[in-house]
């Protein structure tokens, strides 16, 4: 099956519709807003921590490479 531009646009439009439907329905559930806000806060914290960890790993790799390059 090949995906053309029109098919992809329709798929994205349908995804948006479904997401909006879920958001609308979730607003009828007590505590849903607080739950979503807490989940988003944790997601953002997780992303920030992942980026920091990746930075540390890159620094560690560079340190090792520099050490090994100077001690051949």
PDB file of N, CA and C in Angstrom:
ATOM      1  N   UNK A   1       0.850  -1.176   0.000  1.00  0.00           N
ATOM      2  CA  UNK A   1       0.000   0.000   0.000  1.00  0.00           C
ATOM      3  C   UNK A   1       0.893   1.235   0.000  1.00  0.00           C
ATOM      4  N   UNK A   2       0.620   2.128  -0.898  1.00  0.00           N
ATOM      5  CA  UNK A   2       1.374   3.369  -0.927  1.00  0.00           C
ATOM      6  C   UNK A   2       0.578   4.467  -0.241  1.00  0.00           C
ATOM      7  N   UNK A   3       1.296   5.321   0.442  1.00  0.00           N
ATOM      8  CA  UNK A   3       0.667   6.422   1.156  1.00  0.00           C
ATOM      9  C   UNK A   3       0.907   7.695   0.360  1.00  0.00           C
ATOM     10  N   UNK A   4      -0.163   8.269  -0.140  1.00  0.00           N
ATOM     11  CA  UNK A   4      -0.005   9.539  -0.828  1.00  0.00           C
ATOM     12  C   UNK A   4      -0.327  10.680   0.118  1.00  0.00           C
ATOM     13  N   UNK A   5      -0.100  11.882  -0.349  1.00  0.00           N
ATOM     14  CA  UNK A   5      -0.264  13.065   0.492  1.00  0.00           C
ATOM     15  C   UNK A   5      -1.706  13.207   0.989  1.00  0.00           C
ATOM     16  N   UNK A   6      -2.671  12.967   0.128  1.00  0.00           N
ATOM     17  CA  UNK A   6      -4.076  13.099   0.505  1.00  0.00           C
ATOM     18  C   UNK A   6      -4.455  12.090   1.588  1.00  0.00           C
ATOM     19  N   UNK A   7      -3.983  10.862   1.452  1.00  0.00           N
ATOM     20  CA  UNK A   7      -4.263   9.829   2.448  1.00  0.00           C
ATOM     21  C   UNK A   7      -3.696  10.232   3.806  1.00  0.00           C
ATOM     22  N   UNK A   8      -2.471  10.726   3.810  1.00  0.00           N
ATOM     23  CA  UNK A   8      -1.834  11.128   5.061  1.00  0.00           C
ATOM     24  C   UNK A   8      -2.550  12.318   5.696  1.00  0.00           C
ATOM     25  N   UNK A   9      -2.998  13.272   4.878  1.00  0.00           N
ATOM     26  CA  UNK A   9      -3.731  14.415   5.404  1.00  0.00           C
ATOM     27  C   UNK A   9      -5.037  13.971   6.054  1.00  0.00           C
ATOM     28  N   UNK A  10      -5.724  13.030   5.420  1.00  0.00           N
ATOM     29  CA  UNK A  10      -6.974  12.514   5.986  1.00  0.00           C
ATOM     30  C   UNK A  10      -6.708  11.761   7.285  1.00  0.00           C
ATOM     31  N   UNK A  11      -5.622  11.017   7.325  1.00  0.00           N
ATOM     32  CA  UNK A  11      -5.275  10.268   8.533  1.00  0.00           C
ATOM     33  C   UNK A  11      -4.965  11.231   9.680  1.00  0.00           C
ATOM     34  N   UNK A  12      -4.211  12.275   9.400  1.00  0.00           N
ATOM     35  CA  UNK A  12      -3.882  13.269  10.433  1.00  0.00           C
ATOM     36  C   UNK A  12      -5.145  13.975  10.907  1.00  0.00           C
ATOM     37  N   UNK A  13      -6.028  14.309   9.984  1.00  0.00           N
ATOM     38  CA  UNK A  13      -7.286  14.954  10.345  1.00  0.00           C
ATOM     39  C   UNK A  13      -8.116  14.043  11.255  1.00  0.00           C
ATOM     40  N   UNK A  14      -8.151  12.760  10.935  1.00  0.00           N
ATOM     41  CA  UNK A  14      -8.917  11.805  11.755  1.00  0.00           C
ATOM     42  C   UNK A  14      -8.298  11.656  13.137  1.00  0.00           C
ATOM     43  N   UNK A  15      -6.990  11.630  13.213  1.00  0.00           N
ATOM     44  CA  UNK A  15      -6.304  11.544  14.505  1.00  0.00           C
ATOM     45  C   UNK A  15      -6.645  12.762  15.350  1.00  0.00           C
ATOM     46  N   UNK A  16      -6.622  13.943  14.723  1.00  0.00           N
ATOM     47  CA  UNK A  16      -6.991  15.169  15.443  1.00  0.00           C
ATOM     48  C   UNK A  16      -8.421  15.100  15.965  1.00  0.00           C
ATOM     49  N   UNK A  17      -9.331  14.597  15.139  1.00  0.00           N
ATOM     50  CA  UNK A  17     -10.732  14.465  15.555  1.00  0.00           C
ATOM     51  C   UNK A  17     -10.861  13.536  16.754  1.00  0.00           C
ATOM     52  N   UNK A  18     -10.174  12.410  16.703  1.00  0.00           N
ATOM     53  CA  UNK A  18     -10.232  11.446  17.803  1.00  0.00           C
ATOM     54  C   UNK A  18      -9.633  12.025  19.078  1.00  0.00           C
ATOM     55  N   UNK A  19      -8.516  12.740  18.946  1.00  0.00           N
ATOM     56  CA  UNK A  19      -7.906  13.360  20.119  1.00  0.00           C
ATOM     57  C   UNK A  19      -8.840  14.395  20.736  1.00  0.00           C
ATOM     58  N   UNK A  20      -9.468  15.200  19.893  1.00  0.00           N
ATOM     59  CA  UNK A  20     -10.409  16.196  20.404  1.00  0.00           C
ATOM     60  C   UNK A  20     -11.603  15.532  21.083  1.00  0.00           C
ATOM     61  N   UNK A  21     -12.063  14.424  20.530  1.00  0.00           N
ATOM     62  CA  UNK A  21     -13.174  13.681  21.129  1.00  0.00           C
ATOM     63  C   UNK A  21     -12.786  13.147  22.507  1.00  0.00           C
ATOM     64  N   UNK A  22     -11.588  12.616  22.615  1.00  0.00           N
ATOM     65  CA  UNK A  22     -11.103  12.106  23.900  1.00  0.00           C
ATOM     66  C   UNK A  22     -10.988  13.238  24.914  1.00  0.00           C
ATOM     67  N   UNK A  23     -10.462  14.384  24.473  1.00  0.00           N
ATOM     68  CA  UNK A  23     -10.325  15.534  25.377  1.00  0.00           C
ATOM     69  C   UNK A  23     -11.695  15.984  25.861  1.00  0.00           C
ATOM     70  N   UNK A  24     -12.643  16.076  24.949  1.00  0.00           N
ATOM     71  CA  UNK A  24     -13.996  16.499  25.313  1.00  0.00           C
ATOM     72  C   UNK A  24     -14.629  15.529  26.301  1.00  0.00           C
ATOM     73  N   UNK A  25     -14.510  14.242  26.035  1.00  0.00           N
ATOM     74  CA  UNK A  25     -15.100  13.232  26.920  1.00  0.00           C
ATOM     75  C   UNK A  25     -14.396  13.195  28.273  1.00  0.00           C
ATOM     76  N   UNK A  26     -13.096  13.430  28.291  1.00  0.00           N
ATOM     77  CA  UNK A  26     -12.357  13.362  29.559  1.00  0.00           C
ATOM     78  C   UNK A  26     -12.742  14.503  30.492  1.00  0.00           C
ATOM     79  N   UNK A  27     -13.229  15.609  29.926  1.00  0.00           N
ATOM     80  CA  UNK A  27     -13.627  16.738  30.756  1.00  0.00           C
ATOM     81  C   UNK A  27     -14.862  16.426  31.599  1.00  0.00           C
ATOM     82  N   UNK A  28     -15.564  15.342  31.279  1.00  0.00           N
ATOM     83  CA  UNK A  28     -16.741  14.962  32.062  1.00  0.00           C
ATOM     84  C   UNK A  28     -16.377  14.077  33.245  1.00  0.00           C
ATOM     85  N   UNK A  29     -15.112  13.709  33.351  1.00  0.00           N
ATOM     86  CA  UNK A  29     -14.654  12.830  34.431  1.00  0.00           C
ATOM     87  C   UNK A  29     -14.051  13.694  35.538  1.00  0.00           C
ATOM     88  N   UNK A  30     -14.553  13.519  36.757  1.00  0.00           N
ATOM     89  CA  UNK A  30     -14.025  14.280  37.890  1.00  0.00           C
ATOM     90  C   UNK A  30     -12.540  13.990  38.088  1.00  0.00           C
ATOM     91  N   UNK A  31     -11.771  15.047  38.225  1.00  0.00           N
ATOM     92  CA  UNK A  31     -10.338  14.905  38.475  1.00  0.00           C
ATOM     93  C   UNK A  31      -9.501  14.727  37.221  1.00  0.00           C
ATOM     94  N   UNK A  32     -10.124  14.679  36.048  1.00  0.00           N
ATOM     95  CA  UNK A  32      -9.378  14.439  34.811  1.00  0.00           C
ATOM     96  C   UNK A  32      -8.386  15.562  34.523  1.00  0.00           C
ATOM     97  N   UNK A  33      -8.802  16.807  34.738  1.00  0.00           N
ATOM     98  CA  UNK A  33      -7.897  17.930  34.465  1.00  0.00           C
ATOM     99  C   UNK A  33      -6.656  17.863  35.345  1.00  0.00           C
ATOM    100  N   UNK A  34      -6.855  17.596  36.621  1.00  0.00           N
ATOM    101  CA  UNK A  34      -5.727  17.503  37.539  1.00  0.00           C
ATOM    102  C   UNK A  34      -4.812  16.342  37.157  1.00  0.00           C
ATOM    103  N   UNK A  35      -5.430  15.241  36.764  1.00  0.00           N
ATOM    104  CA  UNK A  35      -4.662  14.062  36.350  1.00  0.00           C
ATOM    105  C   UNK A  35      -3.794  14.391  35.135  1.00  0.00           C
ATOM    106  N   UNK A  36      -4.387  15.018  34.127  1.00  0.00           N
ATOM    107  CA  UNK A  36      -3.648  15.352  32.905  1.00  0.00           C
ATOM    108  C   UNK A  36      -2.529  16.339  33.216  1.00  0.00           C
ATOM    109  N   UNK A  37      -2.810  17.329  34.050  1.00  0.00           N
ATOM    110  CA  UNK A  37      -1.775  18.295  34.415  1.00  0.00           C
ATOM    111  C   UNK A  37      -0.612  17.615  35.136  1.00  0.00           C
ATOM    112  N   UNK A  38      -0.934  16.707  36.046  1.00  0.00           N
ATOM    113  CA  UNK A  38       0.121  15.983  36.771  1.00  0.00           C
ATOM    114  C   UNK A  38       0.921  15.104  35.815  1.00  0.00           C
ATOM    115  N   UNK A  39       0.237  14.434  34.892  1.00  0.00           N
ATOM    116  CA  UNK A  39       0.927  13.583  33.916  1.00  0.00           C
ATOM    117  C   UNK A  39       1.844  14.416  33.020  1.00  0.00           C
ATOM    118  N   UNK A  40       1.364  15.583  32.594  1.00  0.00           N
ATOM    119  CA  UNK A  40       2.179  16.445  31.740  1.00  0.00           C
ATOM    120  C   UNK A  40       3.401  16.956  32.502  1.00  0.00           C
ATOM    121  N   UNK A  41       3.216  17.315  33.766  1.00  0.00           N
ATOM    122  CA  UNK A  41       4.342  17.778  34.579  1.00  0.00           C
ATOM    123  C   UNK A  41       5.395  16.680  34.692  1.00  0.00           C
ATOM    124  N   UNK A  42       4.941  15.458  34.961  1.00  0.00           N
ATOM    125  CA  UNK A  42       5.875  14.337  35.073  1.00  0.00           C
ATOM    126  C   UNK A  42       6.543  14.024  33.733  1.00  0.00           C
ATOM    127  N   UNK A  43       5.781  14.120  32.655  1.00  0.00           N
ATOM    128  CA  UNK A  43       6.346  13.882  31.327  1.00  0.00           C
ATOM    129  C   UNK A  43       7.449  14.893  31.030  1.00  0.00           C
ATOM    130  N   UNK A  44       7.171  16.165  31.314  1.00  0.00           N
ATOM    131  CA  UNK A  44       8.162  17.213  31.071  1.00  0.00           C
ATOM    132  C   UNK A  44       9.404  17.017  31.939  1.00  0.00           C
ATOM    133  N   UNK A  45       9.197  16.636  33.193  1.00  0.00           N
ATOM    134  CA  UNK A  45      10.321  16.365  34.086  1.00  0.00           C
ATOM    135  C   UNK A  45      11.142  15.193  33.566  1.00  0.00           C
ATOM    136  N   UNK A  46      10.456  14.168  33.097  1.00  0.00           N
ATOM    137  CA  UNK A  46      11.117  12.994  32.538  1.00  0.00           C
ATOM    138  C   UNK A  46      11.951  13.374  31.315  1.00  0.00           C
ATOM    139  N   UNK A  47      11.382  14.188  30.435  1.00  0.00           N
ATOM    140  CA  UNK A  47      12.109  14.617  29.244  1.00  0.00           C
ATOM    141  C   UNK A  47      13.355  15.416  29.615  1.00  0.00           C
ATOM    142  N   UNK A  48      13.221  16.303  30.585  1.00  0.00           N
ATOM    143  CA  UNK A  48      14.354  17.119  31.028  1.00  0.00           C
ATOM    144  C   UNK A  48      15.451  16.215  31.602  1.00  0.00           C
ATOM    145  N   UNK A  49      15.048  15.224  32.387  1.00  0.00           N
ATOM    146  CA  UNK A  49      16.009  14.295  32.981  1.00  0.00           C
ATOM    147  C   UNK A  49      16.687  13.452  31.909  1.00  0.00           C
ATOM    148  N   UNK A  50      15.930  13.005  30.919  1.00  0.00           N
ATOM    149  CA  UNK A  50      16.522  12.225  29.821  1.00  0.00           C
ATOM    150  C   UNK A  50      17.572  13.036  29.072  1.00  0.00           C
ATOM    151  N   UNK A  51      17.266  14.310  28.808  1.00  0.00           N
ATOM    152  CA  UNK A  51      18.217  15.161  28.099  1.00  0.00           C
ATOM    153  C   UNK A  51      19.482  15.360  28.929  1.00  0.00           C
ATOM    154  N   UNK A  52      19.302  15.541  30.234  1.00  0.00           N
ATOM    155  CA  UNK A  52      20.459  15.715  31.117  1.00  0.00           C
ATOM    156  C   UNK A  52      21.306  14.444  31.129  1.00  0.00           C
ATOM    157  N   UNK A  53      20.660  13.290  31.218  1.00  0.00           N
ATOM    158  CA  UNK A  53      21.379  12.018  31.209  1.00  0.00           C
ATOM    159  C   UNK A  53      22.137  11.837  29.902  1.00  0.00           C
ATOM    160  N   UNK A  54      21.503  12.178  28.780  1.00  0.00           N
ATOM    161  CA  UNK A  54      22.162  12.053  27.482  1.00  0.00           C
ATOM    162  C   UNK A  54      23.397  12.949  27.424  1.00  0.00           C
ATOM    163  N   UNK A  55      23.277  14.154  27.965  1.00  0.00           N
ATOM    164  CA  UNK A  55      24.403  15.080  28.005  1.00  0.00           C
ATOM    165  C   UNK A  55      25.546  14.510  28.836  1.00  0.00           C
ATOM    166  N   UNK A  56      25.218  13.925  29.966  1.00  0.00           N
ATOM    167  CA  UNK A  56      26.239  13.316  30.833  1.00  0.00           C
ATOM    168  C   UNK A  56      26.916  12.160  30.113  1.00  0.00           C
ATOM    169  N   UNK A  57      26.134  11.349  29.414  1.00  0.00           N
ATOM    170  CA  UNK A  57      26.706  10.215  28.689  1.00  0.00           C
ATOM    171  C   UNK A  57      27.652  10.681  27.587  1.00  0.00           C
ATOM    172  N   UNK A  58      27.286  11.758  26.900  1.00  0.00           N
ATOM    173  CA  UNK A  58      28.141  12.300  25.846  1.00  0.00           C
ATOM    174  C   UNK A  58      29.429  12.842  26.449  1.00  0.00           C
ATOM    175  N   UNK A  59      29.326  13.540  27.573  1.00  0.00           N
ATOM    176  CA  UNK A  59      30.522  14.059  28.247  1.00  0.00           C
ATOM    177  C   UNK A  59      31.432  12.921  28.692  1.00  0.00           C
ATOM    178  N   UNK A  60      30.835  11.867  29.230  1.00  0.00           N
ATOM    179  CA  UNK A  60      31.608  10.718  29.689  1.00  0.00           C
ATOM    180  C   UNK A  60      32.328  10.054  28.520  1.00  0.00           C
ATOM    181  N   UNK A  61      31.629   9.915  27.402  1.00  0.00           N
ATOM    182  CA  UNK A  61      32.240   9.311  26.227  1.00  0.00           C
ATOM    183  C   UNK A  61      33.397  10.164  25.713  1.00  0.00           C
ATOM    184  N   UNK A  62      33.192  11.475  25.666  1.00  0.00           N
ATOM    185  CA  UNK A  62      34.258  12.372  25.205  1.00  0.00           C
ATOM    186  C   UNK A  62      35.460  12.314  26.136  1.00  0.00           C
ATOM    187  N   UNK A  63      35.225  12.262  27.442  1.00  0.00           N
ATOM    188  CA  UNK A  63      36.305  12.162  28.413  1.00  0.00           C
ATOM    189  C   UNK A  63      37.124  10.892  28.179  1.00  0.00           C
ATOM    190  N   UNK A  64      36.436   9.785  27.988  1.00  0.00           N
ATOM    191  CA  UNK A  64      37.115   8.511  27.749  1.00  0.00           C
ATOM    192  C   UNK A  64      37.909   8.553  26.448  1.00  0.00           C
ATOM    193  N   UNK A  65      37.298   9.075  25.392  1.00  0.00           N
ATOM    194  CA  UNK A  65      37.992   9.140  24.101  1.00  0.00           C
ATOM    195  C   UNK A  65      39.225  10.031  24.184  1.00  0.00           C
ATOM    196  N   UNK A  66      39.093  11.165  24.847  1.00  0.00           N
ATOM    197  CA  UNK A  66      40.242  12.061  24.998  1.00  0.00           C
ATOM    198  C   UNK A  66      41.348  11.414  25.818  1.00  0.00           C
ATOM    199  N   UNK A  67      40.968  10.734  26.887  1.00  0.00           N
ATOM    200  CA  UNK A  67      41.959  10.060  27.724  1.00  0.00           C
ATOM    201  C   UNK A  67      42.692   9.004  26.938  1.00  0.00           C
ATOM    202  N   UNK A  68      41.956   8.173  26.231  1.00  0.00           N
ATOM    203  CA  UNK A  68      42.573   7.088  25.454  1.00  0.00           C
ATOM    204  C   UNK A  68      43.426   7.645  24.303  1.00  0.00           C
ATOM    205  N   UNK A  69      43.000   8.738  23.717  1.00  0.00           N
ATOM    206  CA  UNK A  69      43.777   9.331  22.603  1.00  0.00           C
ATOM    207  C   UNK A  69      45.109   9.898  23.081  1.00  0.00           C
ATOM    208  N   UNK A  70      45.151  10.393  24.315  1.00  0.00           N
ATOM    209  CA  UNK A  70      46.397  10.989  24.818  1.00  0.00           C
ATOM    210  C   UNK A  70      47.304   9.967  25.489  1.00  0.00           C
ATOM    211  N   UNK A  71      46.825   8.747  25.707  1.00  0.00           N
ATOM    212  CA  UNK A  71      47.617   7.722  26.406  1.00  0.00           C
ATOM    213  C   UNK A  71      47.781   6.461  25.555  1.00  0.00           C
ATOM    214  N   UNK A  72      48.125   6.658  24.302  1.00  0.00           N
ATOM    215  CA  UNK A  72      48.355   5.499  23.424  1.00  0.00           C
ATOM    216  C   UNK A  72      49.731   4.955  23.598  1.00  0.00           C
TER     217      UNK A  72
END
